[in-house]
Structure formats: structure tokens, C-alpha cells
N, C-alpha and C. Protein backbone atom coordinates (compact mmCIF):
# COMPACT_ATOMS: atom_id res chain seq x y z
N MET A 1 48.64 74.88 -84.36
CA MET A 1 47.81 75.90 -83.76
C MET A 1 46.35 75.64 -83.66
N LYS A 2 45.72 75.09 -84.80
CA LYS A 2 44.49 74.75 -84.93
C LYS A 2 44.06 73.58 -83.92
N ARG A 3 44.96 72.63 -83.75
CA ARG A 3 44.80 71.56 -82.90
C ARG A 3 44.79 71.94 -81.46
N ARG A 4 45.45 72.95 -80.93
CA ARG A 4 45.45 73.48 -79.75
C ARG A 4 44.21 74.23 -79.48
N LEU A 5 43.77 74.99 -80.41
CA LEU A 5 42.51 75.65 -80.27
C LEU A 5 41.38 74.67 -80.03
N LEU A 6 41.37 73.53 -80.84
CA LEU A 6 40.28 72.62 -80.85
C LEU A 6 40.37 71.86 -79.41
N LEU A 7 41.53 71.43 -79.01
CA LEU A 7 41.71 70.83 -77.67
C LEU A 7 41.32 71.83 -76.63
N GLY A 8 41.60 73.14 -76.67
CA GLY A 8 41.13 74.06 -75.64
C GLY A 8 39.64 74.21 -75.70
N ALA A 9 39.12 74.33 -76.85
CA ALA A 9 37.60 74.46 -76.81
C ALA A 9 36.93 73.12 -76.25
N ALA A 10 37.59 72.04 -76.61
CA ALA A 10 36.89 70.73 -76.08
C ALA A 10 37.02 70.70 -74.60
N ALA A 11 38.10 71.11 -74.08
CA ALA A 11 38.46 71.00 -72.63
C ALA A 11 37.34 72.20 -72.00
N GLY A 12 37.23 73.25 -72.60
CA GLY A 12 36.33 74.33 -72.01
C GLY A 12 34.95 73.77 -72.05
N ALA A 13 34.54 73.08 -73.07
CA ALA A 13 33.17 72.55 -73.15
C ALA A 13 33.02 71.42 -72.10
N ALA A 14 33.89 70.58 -71.82
CA ALA A 14 33.96 69.59 -70.82
C ALA A 14 33.71 70.21 -69.39
N LEU A 15 34.54 71.35 -69.20
CA LEU A 15 34.51 71.91 -67.86
C LEU A 15 33.00 72.58 -67.67
N THR A 16 32.62 73.27 -68.74
CA THR A 16 31.36 73.75 -68.63
C THR A 16 30.25 72.84 -68.38
N GLY A 17 30.29 71.69 -69.00
CA GLY A 17 29.33 70.61 -68.93
C GLY A 17 29.24 70.28 -67.44
N CYS A 18 30.27 70.38 -66.74
CA CYS A 18 30.47 69.83 -65.21
C CYS A 18 29.84 70.85 -64.32
N ALA A 19 29.74 72.09 -64.82
CA ALA A 19 29.30 73.13 -63.80
C ALA A 19 27.90 72.95 -63.32
N SER A 20 27.65 73.32 -62.11
CA SER A 20 26.32 73.26 -61.52
C SER A 20 25.52 74.27 -62.00
N PRO A 21 24.11 74.03 -62.12
CA PRO A 21 23.18 75.19 -62.60
C PRO A 21 23.22 76.27 -61.53
N ASP A 22 22.79 77.39 -61.93
CA ASP A 22 22.58 78.60 -61.18
C ASP A 22 21.41 78.34 -60.23
N PRO A 23 21.46 78.54 -59.05
CA PRO A 23 20.13 78.32 -58.04
C PRO A 23 19.14 79.26 -58.45
N ALA A 24 19.37 80.39 -59.04
CA ALA A 24 18.44 81.37 -59.50
C ALA A 24 17.38 80.74 -60.39
N ILE A 25 17.65 79.55 -61.16
CA ILE A 25 16.74 79.03 -62.10
C ILE A 25 15.53 78.40 -61.42
N TYR A 26 15.68 78.16 -60.03
CA TYR A 26 14.61 77.74 -59.19
C TYR A 26 13.84 78.68 -58.48
N ALA A 27 14.04 80.01 -58.66
CA ALA A 27 13.47 81.08 -57.91
C ALA A 27 12.01 81.01 -57.88
N GLY A 28 11.34 80.61 -58.99
CA GLY A 28 9.88 80.42 -59.05
C GLY A 28 9.28 79.14 -58.63
N GLU A 29 9.97 78.20 -58.16
CA GLU A 29 9.44 76.96 -57.78
C GLU A 29 9.01 77.11 -56.36
N LYS A 30 7.95 76.25 -56.11
CA LYS A 30 7.20 76.13 -54.95
C LYS A 30 7.22 74.70 -54.47
N PRO A 31 7.07 74.48 -53.04
CA PRO A 31 7.00 75.45 -52.06
C PRO A 31 8.41 76.09 -51.75
N VAL A 32 8.32 77.31 -51.30
CA VAL A 32 9.46 78.14 -51.05
C VAL A 32 10.33 77.51 -49.91
N LEU A 33 11.46 77.36 -50.11
CA LEU A 33 12.35 76.77 -48.97
C LEU A 33 12.91 77.97 -48.01
N ASP A 34 12.82 77.67 -46.71
CA ASP A 34 13.36 78.58 -45.76
C ASP A 34 14.13 77.57 -44.75
N LEU A 35 15.49 77.64 -45.10
CA LEU A 35 16.19 76.66 -44.25
C LEU A 35 16.06 76.74 -42.73
N ARG A 36 15.82 78.02 -42.29
CA ARG A 36 15.60 78.09 -40.75
C ARG A 36 14.29 77.51 -40.26
N ARG A 37 13.36 77.51 -41.20
CA ARG A 37 12.02 76.92 -40.76
C ARG A 37 12.05 75.35 -41.03
N TYR A 38 12.72 74.89 -42.10
CA TYR A 38 12.64 73.52 -42.35
C TYR A 38 13.63 72.76 -41.26
N PHE A 39 14.80 73.26 -41.09
CA PHE A 39 15.84 72.68 -40.16
C PHE A 39 15.67 73.30 -38.86
N ASP A 40 14.47 73.06 -38.28
CA ASP A 40 14.20 73.55 -36.92
C ASP A 40 13.45 72.40 -36.17
N GLY A 41 14.07 72.01 -35.12
CA GLY A 41 13.46 70.79 -34.38
C GLY A 41 14.07 69.50 -34.96
N ARG A 42 13.31 68.32 -34.89
CA ARG A 42 13.82 67.00 -35.19
C ARG A 42 13.60 66.84 -36.64
N VAL A 43 14.63 66.30 -37.36
CA VAL A 43 14.49 65.98 -38.86
C VAL A 43 15.19 64.58 -38.89
N ASP A 44 14.66 63.77 -39.59
CA ASP A 44 15.24 62.34 -39.99
C ASP A 44 15.65 62.26 -41.33
N ALA A 45 16.64 61.48 -41.60
CA ALA A 45 17.11 61.27 -43.05
C ALA A 45 17.53 59.79 -43.25
N TRP A 46 17.40 59.47 -44.46
CA TRP A 46 17.85 58.15 -45.04
C TRP A 46 18.74 58.33 -46.26
N GLY A 47 19.89 57.69 -46.29
CA GLY A 47 20.71 58.09 -47.39
C GLY A 47 21.59 56.93 -47.84
N LEU A 48 22.32 57.25 -49.04
CA LEU A 48 23.30 56.23 -49.51
C LEU A 48 24.37 56.96 -50.29
N PHE A 49 25.48 56.35 -50.40
CA PHE A 49 26.67 56.76 -51.16
C PHE A 49 26.84 55.81 -52.38
N THR A 50 26.71 56.46 -53.47
CA THR A 50 27.07 55.40 -54.55
C THR A 50 28.47 55.99 -55.34
N ASP A 51 29.28 54.98 -55.66
CA ASP A 51 30.41 55.30 -56.29
C ASP A 51 30.22 55.73 -57.94
N ARG A 52 31.40 56.00 -58.68
CA ARG A 52 31.23 56.50 -59.88
C ARG A 52 30.42 55.55 -60.87
N SER A 53 30.41 54.24 -60.63
CA SER A 53 29.70 53.30 -61.36
C SER A 53 28.16 53.23 -61.10
N GLY A 54 27.94 53.91 -60.05
CA GLY A 54 26.47 53.93 -59.42
C GLY A 54 26.16 52.73 -58.47
N ARG A 55 27.18 52.04 -58.01
CA ARG A 55 27.07 50.90 -57.10
C ARG A 55 26.87 51.65 -55.67
N VAL A 56 26.00 51.08 -54.88
CA VAL A 56 25.74 51.65 -53.49
C VAL A 56 26.78 51.03 -52.78
N VAL A 57 27.71 51.98 -52.09
CA VAL A 57 28.89 51.64 -51.38
C VAL A 57 28.60 51.58 -49.74
N ARG A 58 27.65 52.57 -49.48
CA ARG A 58 27.32 52.73 -48.05
C ARG A 58 25.87 53.34 -47.77
N ARG A 59 25.00 52.74 -47.00
CA ARG A 59 23.81 53.29 -46.55
C ARG A 59 23.88 53.83 -45.11
N PHE A 60 22.98 54.76 -44.92
CA PHE A 60 22.99 55.27 -43.49
C PHE A 60 21.64 56.00 -43.26
N THR A 61 21.54 56.23 -41.94
CA THR A 61 20.29 57.06 -41.44
C THR A 61 20.94 58.24 -40.75
N VAL A 62 20.19 59.34 -40.49
CA VAL A 62 20.69 60.48 -39.77
C VAL A 62 19.43 61.04 -38.92
N ALA A 63 19.79 61.17 -37.62
CA ALA A 63 18.75 61.78 -36.78
C ALA A 63 19.42 63.18 -36.39
N MET A 64 18.56 64.27 -36.75
CA MET A 64 19.11 65.50 -36.66
C MET A 64 18.30 66.22 -35.61
N ASP A 65 19.01 67.16 -34.74
CA ASP A 65 18.48 68.03 -33.78
C ASP A 65 18.86 69.39 -34.37
N CYS A 66 18.03 70.24 -34.75
CA CYS A 66 18.23 71.48 -35.33
C CYS A 66 17.57 72.59 -34.68
N ARG A 67 18.28 73.75 -34.35
CA ARG A 67 17.77 74.82 -33.74
C ARG A 67 18.47 76.21 -34.30
N TRP A 68 17.62 77.31 -34.07
CA TRP A 68 18.03 78.59 -34.52
C TRP A 68 17.87 79.70 -33.47
N GLN A 69 18.77 80.49 -33.38
CA GLN A 69 18.58 81.73 -32.65
C GLN A 69 18.96 83.01 -33.66
N GLY A 70 17.86 83.59 -34.12
CA GLY A 70 18.06 84.64 -35.14
C GLY A 70 18.55 83.97 -36.41
N ASP A 71 19.79 84.53 -36.78
CA ASP A 71 20.46 84.10 -38.03
C ASP A 71 21.55 83.13 -37.77
N GLN A 72 21.64 82.43 -36.48
CA GLN A 72 22.58 81.45 -36.29
C GLN A 72 21.90 80.22 -36.00
N GLY A 73 22.47 79.15 -36.70
CA GLY A 73 21.74 77.84 -36.62
C GLY A 73 22.72 76.82 -36.18
N VAL A 74 22.19 75.67 -35.63
CA VAL A 74 23.05 74.44 -35.29
C VAL A 74 22.19 73.35 -35.84
N LEU A 75 22.78 72.52 -36.57
CA LEU A 75 22.21 71.18 -37.08
C LEU A 75 23.18 70.22 -36.70
N ASP A 76 22.67 69.43 -35.58
CA ASP A 76 23.47 68.38 -34.96
C ASP A 76 23.01 67.07 -35.51
N GLU A 77 23.89 66.45 -36.20
CA GLU A 77 23.69 65.24 -37.09
C GLU A 77 24.28 64.00 -36.47
N ASP A 78 23.48 63.06 -36.24
CA ASP A 78 23.99 61.69 -35.76
C ASP A 78 23.67 60.72 -36.85
N PHE A 79 24.81 60.19 -37.47
CA PHE A 79 24.79 59.26 -38.56
C PHE A 79 24.96 57.82 -37.97
N THR A 80 24.15 56.91 -38.39
CA THR A 80 24.31 55.42 -38.25
C THR A 80 24.32 54.67 -39.50
N TYR A 81 25.60 54.11 -39.71
CA TYR A 81 25.75 53.31 -41.04
C TYR A 81 25.27 51.88 -40.99
N SER A 82 24.98 51.24 -42.14
CA SER A 82 24.45 50.06 -42.29
C SER A 82 25.35 49.00 -41.66
N ASP A 83 26.74 49.29 -41.54
CA ASP A 83 27.73 48.35 -40.86
C ASP A 83 27.71 48.55 -39.38
N GLY A 84 26.89 49.44 -38.78
CA GLY A 84 26.80 49.68 -37.26
C GLY A 84 27.72 50.73 -36.89
N SER A 85 28.60 51.37 -37.75
CA SER A 85 29.41 52.53 -37.34
C SER A 85 28.73 53.80 -37.11
N LYS A 86 29.09 54.63 -36.42
CA LYS A 86 28.53 56.03 -36.16
C LYS A 86 29.35 57.07 -36.40
N GLN A 87 28.71 58.18 -36.62
CA GLN A 87 29.50 59.49 -36.90
C GLN A 87 28.63 60.63 -36.42
N ARG A 88 29.22 61.73 -36.12
CA ARG A 88 28.46 62.87 -35.64
C ARG A 88 29.13 64.16 -36.36
N ARG A 89 28.30 64.96 -36.91
CA ARG A 89 28.66 66.16 -37.59
C ARG A 89 27.69 67.31 -36.94
N VAL A 90 28.32 68.54 -36.64
CA VAL A 90 27.64 69.48 -36.04
C VAL A 90 27.80 70.67 -37.06
N TRP A 91 26.90 71.08 -37.72
CA TRP A 91 27.03 72.26 -38.56
C TRP A 91 26.60 73.51 -37.80
N ARG A 92 27.28 74.50 -38.04
CA ARG A 92 27.05 75.86 -37.49
C ARG A 92 26.81 76.80 -38.70
N LEU A 93 25.52 77.14 -38.86
CA LEU A 93 25.19 77.97 -39.92
C LEU A 93 24.77 79.45 -39.59
N THR A 94 25.19 80.23 -40.62
CA THR A 94 24.86 81.66 -40.42
C THR A 94 23.96 82.16 -41.69
N ARG A 95 22.96 82.70 -41.45
CA ARG A 95 22.21 83.44 -42.51
C ARG A 95 22.76 84.71 -42.86
N LEU A 96 23.24 84.91 -44.11
CA LEU A 96 23.94 86.11 -44.54
C LEU A 96 22.90 87.17 -45.12
N GLY A 97 21.82 86.74 -45.44
CA GLY A 97 20.82 87.70 -45.99
C GLY A 97 20.76 87.32 -47.52
N GLU A 98 19.60 87.64 -48.07
CA GLU A 98 19.38 87.55 -49.53
C GLU A 98 19.42 86.03 -49.97
N GLY A 99 19.05 85.13 -49.02
CA GLY A 99 19.11 83.71 -49.41
C GLY A 99 20.46 83.00 -49.23
N ARG A 100 21.46 83.68 -48.84
CA ARG A 100 22.82 83.27 -48.73
C ARG A 100 23.20 82.77 -47.17
N TYR A 101 23.86 81.71 -47.28
CA TYR A 101 24.24 81.02 -45.90
C TYR A 101 25.74 80.71 -45.89
N SER A 102 26.40 80.69 -44.77
CA SER A 102 27.64 80.08 -44.56
C SER A 102 27.50 78.91 -43.57
N GLY A 103 28.52 78.10 -43.58
CA GLY A 103 28.53 77.03 -42.54
C GLY A 103 29.80 76.47 -42.30
N THR A 104 29.96 76.05 -41.06
CA THR A 104 31.25 75.29 -40.65
C THR A 104 30.86 74.05 -39.91
N ALA A 105 31.68 73.02 -40.00
CA ALA A 105 31.67 71.86 -39.10
C ALA A 105 33.03 71.31 -39.00
N ASP A 106 33.42 70.45 -38.02
CA ASP A 106 34.78 69.99 -37.66
C ASP A 106 35.33 69.36 -38.74
N ASP A 107 34.56 68.64 -39.61
CA ASP A 107 35.13 67.92 -40.87
C ASP A 107 35.14 68.62 -42.16
N VAL A 108 34.71 69.97 -42.09
CA VAL A 108 34.72 70.84 -43.12
C VAL A 108 35.82 71.64 -43.24
N VAL A 109 36.56 71.72 -44.34
CA VAL A 109 37.81 72.53 -44.45
C VAL A 109 37.30 73.97 -44.88
N GLY A 110 37.56 74.87 -44.10
CA GLY A 110 37.20 76.21 -44.37
C GLY A 110 35.69 76.44 -44.23
N THR A 111 35.00 77.15 -44.95
CA THR A 111 33.56 77.46 -44.86
C THR A 111 32.84 77.10 -46.11
N ALA A 112 31.76 76.54 -45.72
CA ALA A 112 30.68 76.13 -46.84
C ALA A 112 29.93 77.37 -47.15
N LEU A 113 29.66 77.61 -48.40
CA LEU A 113 28.84 78.71 -48.85
C LEU A 113 27.66 78.36 -49.61
N GLY A 114 26.49 78.89 -49.45
CA GLY A 114 25.26 78.23 -50.05
C GLY A 114 24.34 79.44 -50.36
N GLN A 115 23.44 79.10 -51.29
CA GLN A 115 22.36 80.00 -51.77
C GLN A 115 21.09 79.34 -51.78
N GLU A 116 20.01 79.94 -51.26
CA GLU A 116 18.63 79.25 -51.40
C GLU A 116 17.84 80.13 -52.43
N ARG A 117 17.05 79.56 -53.26
CA ARG A 117 16.24 80.15 -54.31
C ARG A 117 15.12 79.21 -54.39
N GLY A 118 13.78 79.81 -54.51
CA GLY A 118 12.55 78.91 -54.50
C GLY A 118 12.58 77.84 -53.72
N ASN A 119 12.48 76.64 -54.16
CA ASN A 119 12.37 75.39 -53.39
C ASN A 119 13.87 74.71 -53.23
N ALA A 120 14.82 75.36 -53.79
CA ALA A 120 16.16 74.66 -53.81
C ALA A 120 17.18 75.51 -53.00
N PHE A 121 18.11 74.70 -52.52
CA PHE A 121 19.39 75.22 -51.83
C PHE A 121 20.61 74.48 -52.42
N PHE A 122 21.68 75.42 -52.75
CA PHE A 122 22.82 74.83 -53.28
C PHE A 122 23.92 75.41 -52.48
N TRP A 123 24.80 74.47 -52.04
CA TRP A 123 26.09 74.96 -51.39
C TRP A 123 27.19 74.07 -51.65
N THR A 124 28.40 74.55 -51.52
CA THR A 124 29.61 73.95 -51.99
C THR A 124 30.64 74.04 -50.81
N TYR A 125 31.27 72.93 -50.61
CA TYR A 125 32.34 72.80 -49.44
C TYR A 125 33.29 71.79 -49.68
N THR A 126 34.42 71.87 -49.00
CA THR A 126 35.38 70.78 -48.97
C THR A 126 35.23 70.02 -47.64
N LEU A 127 35.23 68.67 -47.83
CA LEU A 127 34.97 67.88 -46.78
C LEU A 127 36.24 67.08 -46.54
N ALA A 128 36.75 66.96 -45.22
CA ALA A 128 37.72 66.05 -44.84
C ALA A 128 37.43 64.69 -44.61
N LEU A 129 37.53 63.83 -45.55
CA LEU A 129 36.88 62.43 -45.57
C LEU A 129 37.94 61.46 -45.14
N PRO A 130 37.84 60.66 -44.16
CA PRO A 130 38.72 59.56 -43.79
C PRO A 130 38.51 58.42 -44.77
N VAL A 131 39.62 57.88 -45.51
CA VAL A 131 39.50 56.73 -46.39
C VAL A 131 40.88 56.01 -46.13
N ASP A 132 40.65 54.78 -45.73
CA ASP A 132 41.66 53.75 -45.42
C ASP A 132 42.86 54.41 -44.68
N GLY A 133 42.58 54.96 -43.58
CA GLY A 133 43.65 55.41 -42.76
C GLY A 133 44.18 56.89 -43.07
N ARG A 134 43.75 57.33 -44.14
CA ARG A 134 44.23 58.72 -44.74
C ARG A 134 43.06 59.55 -44.72
N VAL A 135 43.20 60.92 -44.83
CA VAL A 135 42.17 61.92 -44.95
C VAL A 135 42.25 62.57 -46.26
N TRP A 136 41.18 62.55 -47.15
CA TRP A 136 41.09 63.11 -48.44
C TRP A 136 40.38 64.33 -48.29
N GLN A 137 40.79 65.46 -48.86
CA GLN A 137 39.89 66.58 -48.90
C GLN A 137 39.12 66.62 -50.44
N VAL A 138 37.88 66.38 -50.18
CA VAL A 138 37.02 66.26 -51.36
C VAL A 138 35.99 67.40 -51.42
N GLN A 139 35.78 67.73 -52.72
CA GLN A 139 34.75 68.84 -52.97
C GLN A 139 33.38 68.30 -53.05
N MET A 140 32.43 68.95 -52.28
CA MET A 140 31.07 68.61 -52.25
C MET A 140 30.19 69.70 -52.95
N ASP A 141 29.55 69.28 -53.96
CA ASP A 141 28.45 70.22 -54.64
C ASP A 141 27.12 69.61 -54.17
N ASP A 142 26.47 70.37 -53.43
CA ASP A 142 25.22 69.80 -52.59
C ASP A 142 24.09 70.52 -52.95
N TRP A 143 22.98 69.90 -53.45
CA TRP A 143 21.70 70.37 -53.77
C TRP A 143 20.62 69.71 -52.92
N MET A 144 19.73 70.68 -52.40
CA MET A 144 18.59 70.20 -51.66
C MET A 144 17.37 70.86 -52.27
N TYR A 145 16.17 70.02 -52.33
CA TYR A 145 14.95 70.51 -53.06
C TYR A 145 13.88 70.14 -52.07
N LEU A 146 13.08 71.18 -51.65
CA LEU A 146 11.88 71.01 -50.78
C LEU A 146 10.69 70.48 -51.68
N MET A 147 10.30 69.38 -51.34
CA MET A 147 9.02 68.65 -52.04
C MET A 147 7.84 69.20 -51.48
N ASN A 148 7.74 69.25 -50.04
CA ASN A 148 6.57 69.65 -49.40
C ASN A 148 7.08 70.06 -47.93
N GLU A 149 6.07 70.52 -47.05
CA GLU A 149 6.49 70.96 -45.75
C GLU A 149 7.21 69.96 -44.93
N ARG A 150 7.05 68.60 -45.24
CA ARG A 150 7.77 67.67 -44.56
C ARG A 150 8.92 66.84 -45.14
N VAL A 151 8.97 66.96 -46.58
CA VAL A 151 10.03 66.12 -47.15
C VAL A 151 10.96 67.12 -48.10
N MET A 152 12.28 66.82 -47.86
CA MET A 152 13.27 67.43 -48.69
C MET A 152 14.21 66.31 -49.25
N LEU A 153 14.49 66.47 -50.54
CA LEU A 153 15.46 65.55 -51.19
C LEU A 153 16.90 66.16 -51.41
N ASN A 154 17.97 65.49 -51.25
CA ASN A 154 19.14 65.94 -51.35
C ASN A 154 20.10 65.10 -52.30
N LYS A 155 20.81 65.80 -53.03
CA LYS A 155 21.72 65.06 -53.98
C LYS A 155 23.03 65.91 -53.93
N ALA A 156 24.12 65.20 -53.59
CA ALA A 156 25.59 65.94 -53.45
C ALA A 156 26.51 65.04 -54.30
N THR A 157 27.22 65.79 -55.07
CA THR A 157 28.37 65.12 -55.87
C THR A 157 29.59 65.40 -55.35
N MET A 158 30.51 64.34 -55.09
CA MET A 158 31.60 64.30 -54.51
C MET A 158 32.89 64.23 -55.56
N SER A 159 33.79 65.17 -55.52
CA SER A 159 34.88 65.09 -56.43
C SER A 159 36.30 65.42 -55.83
N LYS A 160 37.21 65.00 -56.55
CA LYS A 160 38.65 65.30 -56.21
C LYS A 160 39.45 65.72 -57.37
N PHE A 161 40.13 66.88 -57.36
CA PHE A 161 40.74 67.32 -58.55
C PHE A 161 39.92 67.39 -59.78
N GLY A 162 38.62 67.63 -59.61
CA GLY A 162 37.68 67.74 -60.74
C GLY A 162 37.18 66.44 -61.25
N VAL A 163 37.52 65.31 -60.54
CA VAL A 163 37.02 64.00 -60.97
C VAL A 163 35.96 63.56 -59.95
N ARG A 164 34.76 63.24 -60.59
CA ARG A 164 33.70 62.81 -59.91
C ARG A 164 33.98 61.48 -59.28
N LEU A 165 33.85 61.41 -57.85
CA LEU A 165 34.13 60.12 -57.12
C LEU A 165 32.79 59.41 -56.90
N GLY A 166 31.63 60.22 -56.65
CA GLY A 166 30.38 59.42 -56.54
C GLY A 166 29.31 60.58 -56.16
N GLU A 167 28.17 59.94 -55.46
CA GLU A 167 27.14 60.86 -55.08
C GLU A 167 26.60 60.42 -53.74
N VAL A 168 26.13 61.35 -53.00
CA VAL A 168 25.28 61.10 -51.87
C VAL A 168 24.03 61.42 -52.10
N THR A 169 23.03 60.56 -51.77
CA THR A 169 21.53 60.88 -51.94
C THR A 169 20.89 60.65 -50.57
N LEU A 170 20.05 61.72 -50.15
CA LEU A 170 19.30 61.63 -48.95
C LEU A 170 17.85 62.03 -49.15
N ALA A 171 16.96 61.61 -48.37
CA ALA A 171 15.60 62.10 -48.18
C ALA A 171 15.43 62.37 -46.68
N PHE A 172 15.18 63.69 -46.59
CA PHE A 172 14.89 64.22 -45.13
C PHE A 172 13.40 64.20 -44.89
N THR A 173 12.98 63.88 -43.66
CA THR A 173 11.50 64.14 -43.23
C THR A 173 11.54 64.77 -41.92
N LYS A 174 10.33 65.60 -41.76
CA LYS A 174 10.02 66.06 -40.53
C LYS A 174 8.81 65.44 -39.85
N PRO A 175 8.81 65.18 -38.59
CA PRO A 175 7.55 64.50 -38.20
C PRO A 175 6.34 65.40 -38.21
């Protein structure tokens, strides 16, 4: 019985250690992020995907055309990978109020949900990711941090069945 309790406590601690911080801890951070203002017009990004060991697996650039009408936004992303391949993702975002957002895209399963606080935005979603002729549904825990009016950094952790597969790191810039 004691052994089960110890194993249960260890498992609980391990799961708690993997939980993302609450976006509210960034409420006092400046500059304050307004997704509608930052993602409006042209935004460029440079990024990479690293596997669990930290090895860079893929590098890419993203040219974004972003526009809002009231609480509805479209982020049209054109990816170009270092191997020359291309991909397009069009996010459709909705501002729900109180810093909350929802979003959909063709390769997102269901609806992404997010929260902005202070200089940070956190959202989580399931991505349909093509891998070797199959499509994996992977969980994305995605953090964005506004550094100044032109630069935002992004770090997303990708996992499947609770196992960390790797990370996506991006630097966004506005002209």
C-alpha cells in the first residue's frame, strides 16, 4: 500500500512538473501585448524545430499577412523551409474578451484556446502533423512574449500522449 502511495505521489509530482505556468503570472509585465495590434499588417518570423535531444531538425521562415475586423482576425502564414518546401496555414482568431482568444486553422484539430496577460500569450491546441506519410495529432503548448513594439519571441512545446517530442522556437518582427 505504501509503495502505491509513493508511486502515485511521484507520478503526480512528475505531471505537475510538466504543467505550464499560469499566464496570470505575467500580468504586470511590460510592454502589454495586444494580439490584435501586434498581428495587424505584415509580420515576418524566423524559426526552428528541435527534437527531444535539442538537435535542430528543421529551419524555416514565415511571411504573415494579418488583419482584423473588430474581434475577428485572420493570420495568413506562408512558411518556407530550409529544404525549399512550402506550407500555408490560415488562422481564424476570435477575441472572446478578458484577454481570451479562440482560433481555428485547417491543420488544427478542434479549437485552439488562449489567454493574454501582460506581455505574454499562452494557447494550447492539437495540430494534425504529417510525418512519414501518416498524420499525427500532437499537442502544442504555445507561449509568446512581446519584447518591444516590433519583436515577439515564441516557444511552443510539442507532445504526444504526454511525451515531449520537441520544441518550436520563433522570432517575430514587424517592419
